[in-house]
C-alpha cells in the first residue's frame, strides 16, 4: 500500500508468502489474520498490526514508531515483538 488514508482494513485473512508493505499510509489496520510473510510498515502516521496469528518462518518484520503492534501471537503463545505504546522501537529480522 502506498499513501492509503483511512478506511483500509484487512481483517480475518490468511496472508502467505510475498509480503506486506505499507508506505506513507495512515489508519490502515491489519487484524485477526494468519500471517506467514514479512511485514514492513514505514511512515509517520498511525497504523495497526493487531491480534494476528504470526508464523515467523524466518521472515523480517519492521514497524515504524507510530504503528500499534499488540495482541499478536504464535503457536508458542504471545508474540515476542508485541510492544506497548511506551516501547515504540521494534524491528525483527528472522533467523
N, C-alpha and C. Protein backbone atom coordinates (compact mmCIF):
# COMPACT_ATOMS: atom_id res chain seq x y z
N UNK A 1 0.84 -1.18 0.00
CA UNK A 1 0.00 0.00 0.00
C UNK A 1 0.88 1.24 0.00
N UNK A 2 0.49 2.23 -0.73
CA UNK A 2 1.21 3.50 -0.77
C UNK A 2 0.20 4.63 -0.64
N UNK A 3 0.41 5.49 0.35
CA UNK A 3 -0.44 6.67 0.57
C UNK A 3 -1.91 6.35 0.80
N UNK A 4 -2.20 5.23 1.43
CA UNK A 4 -3.59 4.89 1.76
C UNK A 4 -3.99 5.67 3.00
N UNK A 5 -5.16 6.31 2.96
CA UNK A 5 -5.64 7.07 4.10
C UNK A 5 -6.97 6.52 4.57
N UNK A 6 -6.98 6.00 5.78
CA UNK A 6 -8.20 5.54 6.44
C UNK A 6 -8.95 4.49 5.61
N UNK A 7 -9.88 3.89 6.22
CA UNK A 7 -10.79 3.01 5.51
C UNK A 7 -10.25 1.68 5.05
N UNK A 8 -8.94 1.45 5.11
CA UNK A 8 -8.42 0.17 4.66
C UNK A 8 -8.27 -0.74 5.87
N UNK A 9 -9.04 -1.82 5.86
CA UNK A 9 -8.97 -2.80 6.93
C UNK A 9 -8.80 -4.17 6.32
N UNK A 10 -7.75 -4.84 6.72
CA UNK A 10 -7.54 -6.22 6.31
C UNK A 10 -7.88 -7.03 7.56
N UNK A 11 -8.97 -7.78 7.50
CA UNK A 11 -9.46 -8.47 8.69
C UNK A 11 -9.79 -9.92 8.36
N UNK A 12 -9.32 -10.82 9.22
CA UNK A 12 -9.63 -12.25 9.13
C UNK A 12 -9.19 -12.86 7.80
N UNK A 13 -8.01 -12.49 7.34
CA UNK A 13 -7.46 -13.03 6.09
C UNK A 13 -6.27 -13.94 6.39
N UNK A 14 -5.98 -14.82 5.47
CA UNK A 14 -4.76 -15.62 5.51
C UNK A 14 -3.79 -14.97 4.54
N UNK A 15 -2.68 -14.46 5.06
CA UNK A 15 -1.70 -13.75 4.23
C UNK A 15 -0.42 -14.59 4.22
N UNK A 16 -0.12 -15.23 3.08
CA UNK A 16 1.02 -16.11 2.97
C UNK A 16 1.93 -15.66 1.82
N UNK A 17 3.23 -15.85 2.01
CA UNK A 17 4.24 -15.58 1.01
C UNK A 17 4.27 -14.09 0.63
N UNK A 18 5.10 -13.75 -0.30
CA UNK A 18 5.21 -12.34 -0.67
C UNK A 18 5.55 -11.50 0.53
N UNK A 19 4.77 -10.49 0.79
CA UNK A 19 4.99 -9.64 1.94
C UNK A 19 3.95 -8.56 2.02
N UNK A 20 3.88 -7.93 3.19
CA UNK A 20 3.01 -6.79 3.42
C UNK A 20 3.91 -5.57 3.56
N UNK A 21 3.65 -4.56 2.76
CA UNK A 21 4.45 -3.34 2.84
C UNK A 21 3.51 -2.13 2.83
N UNK A 22 3.61 -1.31 3.86
CA UNK A 22 2.85 -0.07 3.93
C UNK A 22 3.84 1.09 3.90
N UNK A 23 3.59 2.06 3.04
CA UNK A 23 4.44 3.25 2.92
C UNK A 23 3.57 4.48 2.96
N UNK A 24 3.88 5.40 3.87
CA UNK A 24 3.18 6.68 3.97
C UNK A 24 1.67 6.51 4.09
N UNK A 25 1.25 5.48 4.79
CA UNK A 25 -0.17 5.22 4.99
C UNK A 25 -0.60 5.73 6.36
N UNK A 26 -1.88 5.93 6.53
CA UNK A 26 -2.38 6.26 7.86
C UNK A 26 -3.76 5.65 8.05
N UNK A 27 -3.95 5.08 9.24
CA UNK A 27 -5.22 4.48 9.56
C UNK A 27 -5.46 3.11 8.98
N UNK A 28 -4.43 2.44 8.49
CA UNK A 28 -4.57 1.09 7.94
C UNK A 28 -4.48 0.08 9.10
N UNK A 29 -5.39 -0.88 9.10
CA UNK A 29 -5.42 -1.88 10.16
C UNK A 29 -5.34 -3.28 9.57
N UNK A 30 -4.38 -4.06 10.05
CA UNK A 30 -4.28 -5.48 9.71
C UNK A 30 -4.56 -6.22 11.01
N UNK A 31 -5.67 -6.92 11.06
CA UNK A 31 -6.11 -7.51 12.33
C UNK A 31 -6.76 -8.87 12.13
N UNK A 32 -6.58 -9.72 13.14
CA UNK A 32 -7.25 -11.02 13.20
C UNK A 32 -6.92 -11.90 11.99
N UNK A 33 -5.71 -11.78 11.49
CA UNK A 33 -5.29 -12.54 10.31
C UNK A 33 -4.31 -13.64 10.71
N UNK A 34 -4.07 -14.56 9.81
CA UNK A 34 -2.98 -15.51 9.93
C UNK A 34 -1.92 -15.02 8.96
N UNK A 35 -0.74 -14.66 9.50
CA UNK A 35 0.29 -14.01 8.69
C UNK A 35 1.54 -14.88 8.64
N UNK A 36 1.93 -15.26 7.43
CA UNK A 36 3.15 -16.02 7.22
C UNK A 36 3.91 -15.38 6.06
N UNK A 37 4.40 -14.16 6.32
CA UNK A 37 5.18 -13.41 5.34
C UNK A 37 5.84 -12.25 6.08
N UNK A 38 6.76 -11.58 5.43
CA UNK A 38 7.38 -10.41 6.03
C UNK A 38 6.40 -9.24 6.09
N UNK A 39 6.59 -8.38 7.09
CA UNK A 39 5.76 -7.19 7.23
C UNK A 39 6.68 -6.00 7.44
N UNK A 40 6.48 -4.94 6.66
CA UNK A 40 7.32 -3.74 6.73
C UNK A 40 6.40 -2.52 6.67
N UNK A 41 6.31 -1.78 7.77
CA UNK A 41 5.44 -0.60 7.85
C UNK A 41 6.32 0.61 8.12
N UNK A 42 6.35 1.55 7.18
CA UNK A 42 7.18 2.75 7.32
C UNK A 42 6.36 3.99 7.02
N UNK A 43 6.49 4.98 7.86
CA UNK A 43 5.78 6.24 7.69
C UNK A 43 5.70 6.95 9.03
N UNK A 44 4.98 8.05 9.07
CA UNK A 44 4.92 8.79 10.32
C UNK A 44 3.52 8.83 10.93
N UNK A 45 2.57 8.15 10.31
CA UNK A 45 1.20 8.14 10.82
C UNK A 45 0.86 6.79 11.44
N UNK A 46 -0.16 6.78 12.27
CA UNK A 46 -0.54 5.56 12.98
C UNK A 46 -1.24 4.56 12.08
N UNK A 47 -0.82 3.32 12.21
CA UNK A 47 -1.45 2.16 11.60
C UNK A 47 -1.50 1.09 12.68
N UNK A 48 -2.10 -0.05 12.41
CA UNK A 48 -2.21 -1.09 13.44
C UNK A 48 -1.97 -2.48 12.86
N UNK A 49 -1.17 -3.27 13.58
CA UNK A 49 -0.94 -4.68 13.29
C UNK A 49 -1.29 -5.40 14.58
N UNK A 50 -2.54 -5.87 14.69
CA UNK A 50 -3.03 -6.34 15.98
C UNK A 50 -3.80 -7.66 15.87
N UNK A 51 -3.64 -8.47 16.92
CA UNK A 51 -4.41 -9.70 17.11
C UNK A 51 -4.26 -10.70 15.97
N UNK A 52 -3.07 -10.79 15.42
CA UNK A 52 -2.79 -11.72 14.32
C UNK A 52 -2.08 -12.96 14.82
N UNK A 53 -2.28 -14.09 14.16
CA UNK A 53 -1.51 -15.30 14.40
C UNK A 53 -0.33 -15.22 13.43
N UNK A 54 0.90 -15.13 13.96
CA UNK A 54 2.09 -14.91 13.14
C UNK A 54 2.90 -16.20 13.06
N UNK A 55 3.24 -16.59 11.84
CA UNK A 55 4.14 -17.72 11.59
C UNK A 55 5.45 -17.11 11.09
N UNK A 56 6.45 -17.04 11.96
CA UNK A 56 7.67 -16.29 11.65
C UNK A 56 8.48 -16.87 10.50
N UNK A 57 8.78 -18.15 10.51
CA UNK A 57 9.45 -18.84 9.40
C UNK A 57 10.62 -18.07 8.80
N UNK A 58 11.33 -17.28 9.59
CA UNK A 58 12.50 -16.56 9.08
C UNK A 58 12.19 -15.27 8.34
N UNK A 59 10.95 -14.82 8.35
CA UNK A 59 10.59 -13.57 7.68
C UNK A 59 11.07 -12.36 8.50
N UNK A 60 11.16 -11.22 7.85
CA UNK A 60 11.55 -9.99 8.52
C UNK A 60 10.32 -9.17 8.86
N UNK A 61 10.35 -8.53 10.03
CA UNK A 61 9.26 -7.69 10.50
C UNK A 61 9.84 -6.35 10.91
N UNK A 62 9.27 -5.27 10.37
CA UNK A 62 9.74 -3.93 10.75
C UNK A 62 8.53 -3.01 10.82
N UNK A 63 8.44 -2.29 11.92
CA UNK A 63 7.32 -1.38 12.15
C UNK A 63 7.85 -0.02 12.56
N UNK A 64 7.30 1.04 11.99
CA UNK A 64 7.71 2.38 12.40
C UNK A 64 7.21 2.65 13.82
N UNK A 65 7.69 3.72 14.40
CA UNK A 65 7.38 4.01 15.80
C UNK A 65 5.92 4.35 16.06
N UNK A 66 5.18 4.75 15.06
CA UNK A 66 3.78 5.13 15.28
C UNK A 66 2.79 3.98 15.07
N UNK A 67 3.27 2.82 14.64
CA UNK A 67 2.39 1.68 14.39
C UNK A 67 2.10 0.91 15.67
N UNK A 68 0.84 0.65 15.92
CA UNK A 68 0.44 -0.17 17.06
C UNK A 68 0.69 -1.63 16.72
N UNK A 69 1.44 -2.32 17.58
CA UNK A 69 1.74 -3.75 17.39
C UNK A 69 1.40 -4.43 18.72
N UNK A 70 0.26 -5.10 18.76
CA UNK A 70 -0.14 -5.72 20.03
C UNK A 70 -1.13 -6.86 19.81
N UNK A 71 -1.21 -7.72 20.81
CA UNK A 71 -2.17 -8.81 20.78
C UNK A 71 -1.86 -9.92 19.80
N UNK A 72 -0.72 -9.85 19.14
CA UNK A 72 -0.34 -10.87 18.17
C UNK A 72 0.21 -12.10 18.90
N UNK A 73 0.15 -13.26 18.25
CA UNK A 73 0.60 -14.49 18.90
C UNK A 73 1.15 -15.47 17.88
N UNK A 74 1.89 -16.45 18.37
CA UNK A 74 2.41 -17.55 17.57
C UNK A 74 1.85 -18.85 18.15
N UNK A 75 2.24 -19.98 17.60
CA UNK A 75 1.80 -21.26 18.14
C UNK A 75 2.37 -21.49 19.55
N UNK A 76 3.40 -20.71 19.89
CA UNK A 76 4.03 -20.81 21.22
C UNK A 76 3.35 -19.92 22.26
N UNK A 77 2.55 -18.96 21.81
CA UNK A 77 1.90 -18.02 22.74
C UNK A 77 2.09 -16.59 22.28
N UNK A 78 2.21 -15.67 23.24
CA UNK A 78 2.34 -14.24 22.95
C UNK A 78 3.54 -13.97 22.02
N UNK A 79 3.34 -13.15 20.98
CA UNK A 79 4.42 -12.83 20.03
C UNK A 79 5.42 -11.91 20.71
N UNK A 80 6.66 -12.29 20.67
CA UNK A 80 7.70 -11.54 21.39
C UNK A 80 7.93 -10.14 20.83
N UNK A 81 7.37 -9.80 19.71
CA UNK A 81 7.58 -8.47 19.13
C UNK A 81 6.41 -7.52 19.36
N UNK A 82 5.41 -7.98 20.12
CA UNK A 82 4.36 -7.05 20.54
C UNK A 82 5.02 -5.97 21.37
N UNK A 83 4.44 -4.80 21.38
CA UNK A 83 5.01 -3.72 22.19
C UNK A 83 3.89 -2.86 22.76
N UNK A 84 4.23 -2.21 23.82
CA UNK A 84 3.29 -1.25 24.40
C UNK A 84 3.58 0.11 23.79
N UNK A 85 2.71 1.08 23.94
CA UNK A 85 2.98 2.42 23.38
C UNK A 85 4.30 3.01 23.87
N UNK A 86 4.73 2.66 25.08
CA UNK A 86 5.99 3.20 25.60
C UNK A 86 7.22 2.58 24.94
N UNK A 87 7.07 1.40 24.35
CA UNK A 87 8.18 0.70 23.68
C UNK A 87 7.93 0.77 22.18
N UNK A 88 8.31 1.87 21.57
CA UNK A 88 7.91 2.08 20.18
C UNK A 88 8.93 1.67 19.14
N UNK A 89 10.14 1.36 19.52
CA UNK A 89 11.13 0.93 18.52
C UNK A 89 11.08 -0.58 18.41
N UNK A 90 10.81 -1.09 17.22
CA UNK A 90 10.68 -2.53 17.06
C UNK A 90 11.11 -2.94 15.67
N UNK A 91 12.06 -3.83 15.61
CA UNK A 91 12.49 -4.38 14.34
C UNK A 91 12.92 -5.83 14.58
N UNK A 92 12.56 -6.72 13.71
CA UNK A 92 12.94 -8.12 13.84
C UNK A 92 13.38 -8.63 12.49
N UNK A 93 14.51 -9.28 12.50
CA UNK A 93 14.99 -9.96 11.29
C UNK A 93 15.03 -11.43 11.63
N UNK A 94 14.21 -12.22 10.97
CA UNK A 94 14.08 -13.64 11.26
C UNK A 94 15.36 -14.41 11.10
N UNK A 95 15.40 -15.52 11.78
CA UNK A 95 16.61 -16.36 11.73
C UNK A 95 16.43 -17.47 10.72
